[in-house]
Amino acid sequence: MVCSVKDWPWSSYRAAAGLISTPVWLQTDWILSNFGLRKGRALERYRAFVSVGKNQISPWQQLRNQNDNLLANEGLQRIGNGVWNLLPIPASLNNW
């Protein structure tokens, strides 16, 4: 993992936050429109919103009363302490 969201190479954060040029295939207007009408203010609020999430407890650790059987049926396996592991895709499904 990385220490900062801006260091994650596959994240759209840098483009959405205005730190790099937005690739032509990436649409950032919708997400920014949720943070303000003017782009400068929206960028500022978006960056602040993301920074508030840093060092927070993972939402997956806070889940309670989830149906373990339902999760297991979706290709997940509990490996301990509330941690789930994605099961391999059965060979019969690899060729669909």
PDB file of N, CA and C in Angstrom:
ATOM      1  N   MET A   1       0.836  -1.177   0.000  1.00  0.00           N
ATOM      2  CA  MET A   1       0.000   0.000   0.000  1.00  0.00           C
ATOM      3  C   MET A   1       0.885   1.246   0.000  1.00  0.00           C
ATOM      4  N   VAL A   2       0.248   2.351  -0.142  1.00  0.00           N
ATOM      5  CA  VAL A   2       0.969   3.622  -0.181  1.00  0.00           C
ATOM      6  C   VAL A   2       0.568   4.485   1.013  1.00  0.00           C
ATOM      7  N   CYS A   3       1.403   5.462   1.319  1.00  0.00           N
ATOM      8  CA  CYS A   3       1.124   6.345   2.453  1.00  0.00           C
ATOM      9  C   CYS A   3       0.117   7.430   2.099  1.00  0.00           C
ATOM     10  N   SER A   4       0.037   7.770   0.846  1.00  0.00           N
ATOM     11  CA  SER A   4      -0.859   8.839   0.411  1.00  0.00           C
ATOM     12  C   SER A   4      -1.613   8.401  -0.836  1.00  0.00           C
ATOM     13  N   VAL A   5      -2.865   8.784  -0.931  1.00  0.00           N
ATOM     14  CA  VAL A   5      -3.678   8.425  -2.089  1.00  0.00           C
ATOM     15  C   VAL A   5      -3.058   8.947  -3.387  1.00  0.00           C
ATOM     16  N   LYS A   6      -2.362  10.066  -3.314  1.00  0.00           N
ATOM     17  CA  LYS A   6      -1.751  10.610  -4.535  1.00  0.00           C
ATOM     18  C   LYS A   6      -0.594   9.751  -5.036  1.00  0.00           C
ATOM     19  N   ASP A   7      -0.103   8.834  -4.193  1.00  0.00           N
ATOM     20  CA  ASP A   7       0.987   7.952  -4.593  1.00  0.00           C
ATOM     21  C   ASP A   7       0.510   6.644  -5.212  1.00  0.00           C
ATOM     22  N   TRP A   8      -0.792   6.390  -5.168  1.00  0.00           N
ATOM     23  CA  TRP A   8      -1.339   5.156  -5.742  1.00  0.00           C
ATOM     24  C   TRP A   8      -1.429   5.341  -7.252  1.00  0.00           C
ATOM     25  N   PRO A   9      -0.632   4.594  -8.023  1.00  0.00           N
ATOM     26  CA  PRO A   9      -0.545   4.853  -9.470  1.00  0.00           C
ATOM     27  C   PRO A   9      -1.827   4.606 -10.251  1.00  0.00           C
ATOM     28  N   TRP A  10      -2.731   3.779  -9.752  1.00  0.00           N
ATOM     29  CA  TRP A  10      -3.949   3.460 -10.497  1.00  0.00           C
ATOM     30  C   TRP A  10      -5.152   4.248 -10.000  1.00  0.00           C
ATOM     31  N   SER A  11      -4.923   5.217  -9.156  1.00  0.00           N
ATOM     32  CA  SER A  11      -6.016   6.024  -8.626  1.00  0.00           C
ATOM     33  C   SER A  11      -6.278   7.216  -9.543  1.00  0.00           C
ATOM     34  N   SER A  12      -7.519   7.633  -9.598  1.00  0.00           N
ATOM     35  CA  SER A  12      -7.865   8.833 -10.362  1.00  0.00           C
ATOM     36  C   SER A  12      -7.752  10.083  -9.494  1.00  0.00           C
ATOM     37  N   TYR A  13      -7.328   9.913  -8.243  1.00  0.00           N
ATOM     38  CA  TYR A  13      -7.277  11.038  -7.319  1.00  0.00           C
ATOM     39  C   TYR A  13      -6.455  12.210  -7.851  1.00  0.00           C
ATOM     40  N   ARG A  14      -5.259  11.955  -8.337  1.00  0.00           N
ATOM     41  CA  ARG A  14      -4.384  13.056  -8.787  1.00  0.00           C
ATOM     42  C   ARG A  14      -5.048  13.888  -9.864  1.00  0.00           C
ATOM     43  N   ALA A  15      -5.719  13.235 -10.789  1.00  0.00           N
ATOM     44  CA  ALA A  15      -6.407  13.972 -11.856  1.00  0.00           C
ATOM     45  C   ALA A  15      -7.632  14.689 -11.299  1.00  0.00           C
ATOM     46  N   ALA A  16      -8.411  14.005 -10.475  1.00  0.00           N
ATOM     47  CA  ALA A  16      -9.613  14.620  -9.916  1.00  0.00           C
ATOM     48  C   ALA A  16      -9.269  15.794  -9.006  1.00  0.00           C
ATOM     49  N   ALA A  17      -8.130  15.709  -8.331  1.00  0.00           N
ATOM     50  CA  ALA A  17      -7.704  16.775  -7.417  1.00  0.00           C
ATOM     51  C   ALA A  17      -6.960  17.895  -8.138  1.00  0.00           C
ATOM     52  N   GLY A  18      -6.788  17.763  -9.458  1.00  0.00           N
ATOM     53  CA  GLY A  18      -6.128  18.811 -10.223  1.00  0.00           C
ATOM     54  C   GLY A  18      -4.618  18.816 -10.089  1.00  0.00           C
ATOM     55  N   LEU A  19      -4.044  17.693  -9.636  1.00  0.00           N
ATOM     56  CA  LEU A  19      -2.596  17.626  -9.453  1.00  0.00           C
ATOM     57  C   LEU A  19      -1.864  17.266 -10.741  1.00  0.00           C
ATOM     58  N   ILE A  20      -2.574  16.617 -11.664  1.00  0.00           N
ATOM     59  CA  ILE A  20      -2.026  16.287 -12.983  1.00  0.00           C
ATOM     60  C   ILE A  20      -3.105  16.588 -14.021  1.00  0.00           C
ATOM     61  N   SER A  21      -2.710  16.590 -15.279  1.00  0.00           N
ATOM     62  CA  SER A  21      -3.694  16.770 -16.355  1.00  0.00           C
ATOM     63  C   SER A  21      -4.637  15.572 -16.380  1.00  0.00           C
ATOM     64  N   THR A  22      -5.906  15.843 -16.598  1.00  0.00           N
ATOM     65  CA  THR A  22      -6.893  14.773 -16.653  1.00  0.00           C
ATOM     66  C   THR A  22      -6.820  14.087 -18.006  1.00  0.00           C
ATOM     67  N   PRO A  23      -6.621  12.755 -18.032  1.00  0.00           N
ATOM     68  CA  PRO A  23      -6.620  12.035 -19.307  1.00  0.00           C
ATOM     69  C   PRO A  23      -7.973  12.201 -20.009  1.00  0.00           C
ATOM     70  N   VAL A  24      -7.975  12.133 -21.329  1.00  0.00           N
ATOM     71  CA  VAL A  24      -9.216  12.340 -22.087  1.00  0.00           C
ATOM     72  C   VAL A  24     -10.286  11.313 -21.741  1.00  0.00           C
ATOM     73  N   TRP A  25      -9.887  10.133 -21.317  1.00  0.00           N
ATOM     74  CA  TRP A  25     -10.839   9.064 -21.021  1.00  0.00           C
ATOM     75  C   TRP A  25     -11.426   9.155 -19.604  1.00  0.00           C
ATOM     76  N   LEU A  26     -10.919  10.068 -18.780  1.00  0.00           N
ATOM     77  CA  LEU A  26     -11.383  10.166 -17.394  1.00  0.00           C
ATOM     78  C   LEU A  26     -12.299  11.372 -17.216  1.00  0.00           C
ATOM     79  N   GLN A  27     -13.473  11.149 -16.686  1.00  0.00           N
ATOM     80  CA  GLN A  27     -14.448  12.207 -16.435  1.00  0.00           C
ATOM     81  C   GLN A  27     -14.406  12.582 -14.951  1.00  0.00           C
ATOM     82  N   THR A  28     -13.986  13.796 -14.637  1.00  0.00           N
ATOM     83  CA  THR A  28     -13.904  14.229 -13.237  1.00  0.00           C
ATOM     84  C   THR A  28     -14.962  15.276 -12.890  1.00  0.00           C
ATOM     85  N   ASP A  29     -15.662  15.785 -13.869  1.00  0.00           N
ATOM     86  CA  ASP A  29     -16.631  16.848 -13.615  1.00  0.00           C
ATOM     87  C   ASP A  29     -17.727  16.420 -12.647  1.00  0.00           C
ATOM     88  N   TRP A  30     -18.226  15.190 -12.779  1.00  0.00           N
ATOM     89  CA  TRP A  30     -19.320  14.758 -11.926  1.00  0.00           C
ATOM     90  C   TRP A  30     -18.894  14.728 -10.462  1.00  0.00           C
ATOM     91  N   ILE A  31     -17.753  14.093 -10.177  1.00  0.00           N
ATOM     92  CA  ILE A  31     -17.319  13.994  -8.787  1.00  0.00           C
ATOM     93  C   ILE A  31     -17.055  15.378  -8.211  1.00  0.00           C
ATOM     94  N   LEU A  32     -16.420  16.255  -8.985  1.00  0.00           N
ATOM     95  CA  LEU A  32     -16.125  17.599  -8.491  1.00  0.00           C
ATOM     96  C   LEU A  32     -17.393  18.429  -8.312  1.00  0.00           C
ATOM     97  N   SER A  33     -18.415  18.173  -9.114  1.00  0.00           N
ATOM     98  CA  SER A  33     -19.667  18.934  -8.992  1.00  0.00           C
ATOM     99  C   SER A  33     -20.344  18.688  -7.648  1.00  0.00           C
ATOM    100  N   ASN A  34     -19.974  17.622  -6.978  1.00  0.00           N
ATOM    101  CA  ASN A  34     -20.515  17.330  -5.655  1.00  0.00           C
ATOM    102  C   ASN A  34     -19.862  18.168  -4.557  1.00  0.00           C
ATOM    103  N   PHE A  35     -18.797  18.886  -4.909  1.00  0.00           N
ATOM    104  CA  PHE A  35     -18.046  19.650  -3.919  1.00  0.00           C
ATOM    105  C   PHE A  35     -18.090  21.156  -4.139  1.00  0.00           C
ATOM    106  N   GLY A  36     -18.711  21.599  -5.199  1.00  0.00           N
ATOM    107  CA  GLY A  36     -18.837  23.033  -5.408  1.00  0.00           C
ATOM    108  C   GLY A  36     -19.162  23.370  -6.850  1.00  0.00           C
ATOM    109  N   LEU A  37     -19.667  24.585  -7.064  1.00  0.00           N
ATOM    110  CA  LEU A  37     -20.029  25.025  -8.410  1.00  0.00           C
ATOM    111  C   LEU A  37     -18.831  25.571  -9.177  1.00  0.00           C
ATOM    112  N   ARG A  38     -17.887  26.160  -8.454  1.00  0.00           N
ATOM    113  CA  ARG A  38     -16.676  26.673  -9.106  1.00  0.00           C
ATOM    114  C   ARG A  38     -15.555  25.655  -8.946  1.00  0.00           C
ATOM    115  N   LYS A  39     -14.809  25.438 -10.011  1.00  0.00           N
ATOM    116  CA  LYS A  39     -13.807  24.376 -10.018  1.00  0.00           C
ATOM    117  C   LYS A  39     -12.774  24.538  -8.911  1.00  0.00           C
ATOM    118  N   GLY A  40     -12.268  25.733  -8.699  1.00  0.00           N
ATOM    119  CA  GLY A  40     -11.252  25.944  -7.666  1.00  0.00           C
ATOM    120  C   GLY A  40     -11.737  25.539  -6.285  1.00  0.00           C
ATOM    121  N   ARG A  41     -12.945  25.941  -5.953  1.00  0.00           N
ATOM    122  CA  ARG A  41     -13.530  25.604  -4.646  1.00  0.00           C
ATOM    123  C   ARG A  41     -13.834  24.113  -4.574  1.00  0.00           C
ATOM    124  N   ALA A  42     -14.305  23.546  -5.672  1.00  0.00           N
ATOM    125  CA  ALA A  42     -14.608  22.115  -5.701  1.00  0.00           C
ATOM    126  C   ALA A  42     -13.331  21.296  -5.491  1.00  0.00           C
ATOM    127  N   LEU A  43     -12.240  21.685  -6.123  1.00  0.00           N
ATOM    128  CA  LEU A  43     -10.965  20.982  -5.949  1.00  0.00           C
ATOM    129  C   LEU A  43     -10.512  21.044  -4.489  1.00  0.00           C
ATOM    130  N   GLU A  44     -10.626  22.208  -3.916  1.00  0.00           N
ATOM    131  CA  GLU A  44     -10.237  22.405  -2.519  1.00  0.00           C
ATOM    132  C   GLU A  44     -11.050  21.503  -1.586  1.00  0.00           C
ATOM    133  N   ARG A  45     -12.348  21.475  -1.786  1.00  0.00           N
ATOM    134  CA  ARG A  45     -13.224  20.667  -0.936  1.00  0.00           C
ATOM    135  C   ARG A  45     -13.011  19.171  -1.174  1.00  0.00           C
ATOM    136  N   TYR A  46     -12.782  18.786  -2.420  1.00  0.00           N
ATOM    137  CA  TYR A  46     -12.530  17.376  -2.740  1.00  0.00           C
ATOM    138  C   TYR A  46     -11.255  16.907  -2.034  1.00  0.00           C
ATOM    139  N   ARG A  47     -10.191  17.674  -2.137  1.00  0.00           N
ATOM    140  CA  ARG A  47      -8.933  17.316  -1.463  1.00  0.00           C
ATOM    141  C   ARG A  47      -9.137  17.210   0.045  1.00  0.00           C
ATOM    142  N   ALA A  48      -9.888  18.149   0.631  1.00  0.00           N
ATOM    143  CA  ALA A  48     -10.155  18.117   2.068  1.00  0.00           C
ATOM    144  C   ALA A  48     -10.964  16.870   2.440  1.00  0.00           C
ATOM    145  N   PHE A  49     -11.960  16.544   1.629  1.00  0.00           N
ATOM    146  CA  PHE A  49     -12.793  15.367   1.868  1.00  0.00           C
ATOM    147  C   PHE A  49     -11.947  14.099   1.886  1.00  0.00           C
ATOM    148  N   VAL A  50     -11.080  13.961   0.900  1.00  0.00           N
ATOM    149  CA  VAL A  50     -10.233  12.767   0.827  1.00  0.00           C
ATOM    150  C   VAL A  50      -9.259  12.726   2.004  1.00  0.00           C
ATOM    151  N   SER A  51      -8.700  13.865   2.379  1.00  0.00           N
ATOM    152  CA  SER A  51      -7.721  13.881   3.464  1.00  0.00           C
ATOM    153  C   SER A  51      -8.342  13.518   4.809  1.00  0.00           C
ATOM    154  N   VAL A  52      -9.619  13.796   4.999  1.00  0.00           N
ATOM    155  CA  VAL A  52     -10.296  13.439   6.248  1.00  0.00           C
ATOM    156  C   VAL A  52     -10.340  11.919   6.415  1.00  0.00           C
ATOM    157  N   GLY A  53     -10.383  11.191   5.328  1.00  0.00           N
ATOM    158  CA  GLY A  53     -10.446   9.731   5.398  1.00  0.00           C
ATOM    159  C   GLY A  53      -9.132   9.074   5.772  1.00  0.00           C
ATOM    160  N   LYS A  54      -8.036   9.809   5.705  1.00  0.00           N
ATOM    161  CA  LYS A  54      -6.723   9.248   6.017  1.00  0.00           C
ATOM    162  C   LYS A  54      -6.671   8.828   7.485  1.00  0.00           C
ATOM    163  N   ASN A  55      -6.084   7.682   7.723  1.00  0.00           N
ATOM    164  CA  ASN A  55      -5.893   7.116   9.064  1.00  0.00           C
ATOM    165  C   ASN A  55      -7.196   6.735   9.762  1.00  0.00           C
ATOM    166  N   GLN A  56      -8.276   6.610   9.008  1.00  0.00           N
ATOM    167  CA  GLN A  56      -9.543   6.164   9.584  1.00  0.00           C
ATOM    168  C   GLN A  56      -9.580   4.642   9.583  1.00  0.00           C
ATOM    169  N   ILE A  57     -10.393   4.089  10.454  1.00  0.00           N
ATOM    170  CA  ILE A  57     -10.595   2.644  10.484  1.00  0.00           C
ATOM    171  C   ILE A  57     -11.297   2.236   9.193  1.00  0.00           C
ATOM    172  N   SER A  58     -10.885   1.123   8.637  1.00  0.00           N
ATOM    173  CA  SER A  58     -11.501   0.622   7.415  1.00  0.00           C
ATOM    174  C   SER A  58     -12.986   0.360   7.647  1.00  0.00           C
ATOM    175  N   PRO A  59     -13.845   0.794   6.716  1.00  0.00           N
ATOM    176  CA  PRO A  59     -15.277   0.516   6.884  1.00  0.00           C
ATOM    177  C   PRO A  59     -15.575  -0.977   6.910  1.00  0.00           C
ATOM    178  N   TRP A  60     -14.721  -1.789   6.321  1.00  0.00           N
ATOM    179  CA  TRP A  60     -14.937  -3.238   6.312  1.00  0.00           C
ATOM    180  C   TRP A  60     -14.789  -3.800   7.719  1.00  0.00           C
ATOM    181  N   GLN A  61     -13.968  -3.190   8.555  1.00  0.00           N
ATOM    182  CA  GLN A  61     -13.787  -3.667   9.923  1.00  0.00           C
ATOM    183  C   GLN A  61     -14.964  -3.286  10.813  1.00  0.00           C
ATOM    184  N   GLN A  62     -15.763  -2.335  10.394  1.00  0.00           N
ATOM    185  CA  GLN A  62     -16.884  -1.870  11.201  1.00  0.00           C
ATOM    186  C   GLN A  62     -18.196  -2.581  10.869  1.00  0.00           C
ATOM    187  N   LEU A  63     -18.200  -3.423   9.851  1.00  0.00           N
ATOM    188  CA  LEU A  63     -19.429  -4.125   9.489  1.00  0.00           C
ATOM    189  C   LEU A  63     -19.850  -5.082  10.595  1.00  0.00           C
ATOM    190  N   ARG A  64     -21.124  -5.126  10.876  1.00  0.00           N
ATOM    191  CA  ARG A  64     -21.663  -6.022  11.895  1.00  0.00           C
ATOM    192  C   ARG A  64     -22.907  -6.713  11.347  1.00  0.00           C
ATOM    193  N   ASN A  65     -23.117  -7.938  11.812  1.00  0.00           N
ATOM    194  CA  ASN A  65     -24.317  -8.705  11.473  1.00  0.00           C
ATOM    195  C   ASN A  65     -24.442  -8.997   9.988  1.00  0.00           C
ATOM    196  N   GLN A  66     -23.319  -9.162   9.313  1.00  0.00           N
ATOM    197  CA  GLN A  66     -23.358  -9.541   7.910  1.00  0.00           C
ATOM    198  C   GLN A  66     -23.518 -11.057   7.831  1.00  0.00           C
ATOM    199  N   ASN A  67     -24.159 -11.532   6.818  1.00  0.00           N
ATOM    200  CA  ASN A  67     -24.407 -12.957   6.645  1.00  0.00           C
ATOM    201  C   ASN A  67     -23.172 -13.618   6.043  1.00  0.00           C
ATOM    202  N   ASP A  68     -22.431 -14.366   6.862  1.00  0.00           N
ATOM    203  CA  ASP A  68     -21.210 -15.021   6.393  1.00  0.00           C
ATOM    204  C   ASP A  68     -21.488 -15.998   5.256  1.00  0.00           C
ATOM    205  N   ASN A  69     -22.641 -16.681   5.310  1.00  0.00           N
ATOM    206  CA  ASN A  69     -22.967 -17.626   4.249  1.00  0.00           C
ATOM    207  C   ASN A  69     -23.185 -16.906   2.923  1.00  0.00           C
ATOM    208  N   LEU A  70     -23.799 -15.738   2.982  1.00  0.00           N
ATOM    209  CA  LEU A  70     -24.007 -14.959   1.768  1.00  0.00           C
ATOM    210  C   LEU A  70     -22.657 -14.565   1.169  1.00  0.00           C
ATOM    211  N   LEU A  71     -21.753 -14.092   2.021  1.00  0.00           N
ATOM    212  CA  LEU A  71     -20.427 -13.710   1.527  1.00  0.00           C
ATOM    213  C   LEU A  71     -19.688 -14.913   0.967  1.00  0.00           C
ATOM    214  N   ALA A  72     -19.778 -16.058   1.638  1.00  0.00           N
ATOM    215  CA  ALA A  72     -19.100 -17.265   1.162  1.00  0.00           C
ATOM    216  C   ALA A  72     -19.643 -17.679  -0.196  1.00  0.00           C
ATOM    217  N   ASN A  73     -20.948 -17.502  -0.404  1.00  0.00           N
ATOM    218  CA  ASN A  73     -21.547 -17.860  -1.688  1.00  0.00           C
ATOM    219  C   ASN A  73     -21.110 -16.923  -2.804  1.00  0.00           C
ATOM    220  N   GLU A  74     -20.581 -15.780  -2.464  1.00  0.00           N
ATOM    221  CA  GLU A  74     -20.122 -14.823  -3.470  1.00  0.00           C
ATOM    222  C   GLU A  74     -18.636 -14.994  -3.787  1.00  0.00           C
ATOM    223  N   GLY A  75     -18.019 -16.081  -3.369  1.00  0.00           N
ATOM    224  CA  GLY A  75     -16.633 -16.351  -3.706  1.00  0.00           C
ATOM    225  C   GLY A  75     -15.628 -15.791  -2.719  1.00  0.00           C
ATOM    226  N   LEU A  76     -16.053 -15.601  -1.470  1.00  0.00           N
ATOM    227  CA  LEU A  76     -15.156 -15.102  -0.436  1.00  0.00           C
ATOM    228  C   LEU A  76     -15.001 -16.147   0.655  1.00  0.00           C
ATOM    229  N   GLN A  77     -13.856 -16.144   1.302  1.00  0.00           N
ATOM    230  CA  GLN A  77     -13.593 -17.098   2.363  1.00  0.00           C
ATOM    231  C   GLN A  77     -13.007 -16.355   3.556  1.00  0.00           C
ATOM    232  N   ARG A  78     -13.547 -16.612   4.748  1.00  0.00           N
ATOM    233  CA  ARG A  78     -13.011 -15.987   5.964  1.00  0.00           C
ATOM    234  C   ARG A  78     -11.666 -16.637   6.284  1.00  0.00           C
ATOM    235  N   ILE A  79     -10.649 -15.803   6.513  1.00  0.00           N
ATOM    236  CA  ILE A  79      -9.326 -16.341   6.852  1.00  0.00           C
ATOM    237  C   ILE A  79      -8.913 -15.945   8.261  1.00  0.00           C
ATOM    238  N   GLY A  80      -9.819 -15.337   9.018  1.00  0.00           N
ATOM    239  CA  GLY A  80      -9.546 -15.038  10.418  1.00  0.00           C
ATOM    240  C   GLY A  80      -9.662 -13.572  10.756  1.00  0.00           C
ATOM    241  N   ASN A  81     -10.059 -13.289  11.989  1.00  0.00           N
ATOM    242  CA  ASN A  81     -10.168 -11.922  12.508  1.00  0.00           C
ATOM    243  C   ASN A  81     -10.962 -10.989  11.600  1.00  0.00           C
ATOM    244  N   GLY A  82     -12.010 -11.498  11.008  1.00  0.00           N
ATOM    245  CA  GLY A  82     -12.857 -10.658  10.164  1.00  0.00           C
ATOM    246  C   GLY A  82     -12.249 -10.358   8.808  1.00  0.00           C
ATOM    247  N   VAL A  83     -11.175 -11.045   8.441  1.00  0.00           N
ATOM    248  CA  VAL A  83     -10.516 -10.824   7.155  1.00  0.00           C
ATOM    249  C   VAL A  83     -11.051 -11.846   6.163  1.00  0.00           C
ATOM    250  N   TRP A  84     -11.342 -11.372   4.959  1.00  0.00           N
ATOM    251  CA  TRP A  84     -11.876 -12.240   3.916  1.00  0.00           C
ATOM    252  C   TRP A  84     -10.871 -12.360   2.785  1.00  0.00           C
ATOM    253  N   ASN A  85     -10.872 -13.494   2.151  1.00  0.00           N
ATOM    254  CA  ASN A  85      -9.979 -13.771   1.036  1.00  0.00           C
ATOM    255  C   ASN A  85     -10.826 -14.124  -0.187  1.00  0.00           C
ATOM    256  N   LEU A  86     -10.485 -13.577  -1.332  1.00  0.00           N
ATOM    257  CA  LEU A  86     -11.189 -13.892  -2.562  1.00  0.00           C
ATOM    258  C   LEU A  86     -10.786 -15.280  -3.033  1.00  0.00           C
ATOM    259  N   LEU A  87     -11.772 -16.136  -3.251  1.00  0.00           N
ATOM    260  CA  LEU A  87     -11.489 -17.496  -3.702  1.00  0.00           C
ATOM    261  C   LEU A  87     -11.153 -17.498  -5.192  1.00  0.00           C
ATOM    262  N   PRO A  88     -10.359 -18.469  -5.639  1.00  0.00           N
ATOM    263  CA  PRO A  88     -10.061 -18.547  -7.069  1.00  0.00           C
ATOM    264  C   PRO A  88     -11.324 -18.808  -7.882  1.00  0.00           C
ATOM    265  N   ILE A  89     -11.335 -18.324  -9.100  1.00  0.00           N
ATOM    266  CA  ILE A  89     -12.463 -18.573  -9.988  1.00  0.00           C
ATOM    267  C   ILE A  89     -12.388 -20.012 -10.466  1.00  0.00           C
ATOM    268  N   PRO A  90     -13.484 -20.771 -10.340  1.00  0.00           N
ATOM    269  CA  PRO A  90     -13.457 -22.159 -10.824  1.00  0.00           C
ATOM    270  C   PRO A  90     -13.130 -22.212 -12.315  1.00  0.00           C
ATOM    271  N   ALA A  91     -12.381 -23.230 -12.710  1.00  0.00           N
ATOM    272  CA  ALA A  91     -11.951 -23.359 -14.106  1.00  0.00           C
ATOM    273  C   ALA A  91     -13.138 -23.353 -15.054  1.00  0.00           C
ATOM    274  N   SER A  92     -14.268 -23.876 -14.628  1.00  0.00           N
ATOM    275  CA  SER A  92     -15.452 -23.927 -15.496  1.00  0.00           C
ATOM    276  C   SER A  92     -15.989 -22.536 -15.820  1.00  0.00           C
ATOM    277  N   LEU A  93     -15.652 -21.535 -15.016  1.00  0.00           N
ATOM    278  CA  LEU A  93     -16.137 -20.176 -15.262  1.00  0.00           C
ATOM    279  C   LEU A  93     -15.123 -19.308 -15.993  1.00  0.00           C
ATOM    280  N   ASN A  94     -13.915 -19.788 -16.158  1.00  0.00           N
ATOM    281  CA  ASN A  94     -12.869 -18.975 -16.771  1.00  0.00           C
ATOM    282  C   ASN A  94     -13.095 -18.703 -18.244  1.00  0.00           C
ATOM    283  N   ASN A  95     -13.902 -19.499 -18.910  1.00  0.00           N
ATOM    284  CA  ASN A  95     -14.045 -19.384 -20.364  1.00  0.00           C
ATOM    285  C   ASN A  95     -15.381 -18.792 -20.787  1.00  0.00           C
ATOM    286  N   TRP A  96     -16.067 -18.115 -19.937  1.00  0.00           N
ATOM    287  CA  TRP A  96     -17.364 -17.552 -20.331  1.00  0.00           C
ATOM    288  C   TRP A  96     -17.099 -16.298 -21.058  1.00  0.00           C
TER     289      TRP A  96
END
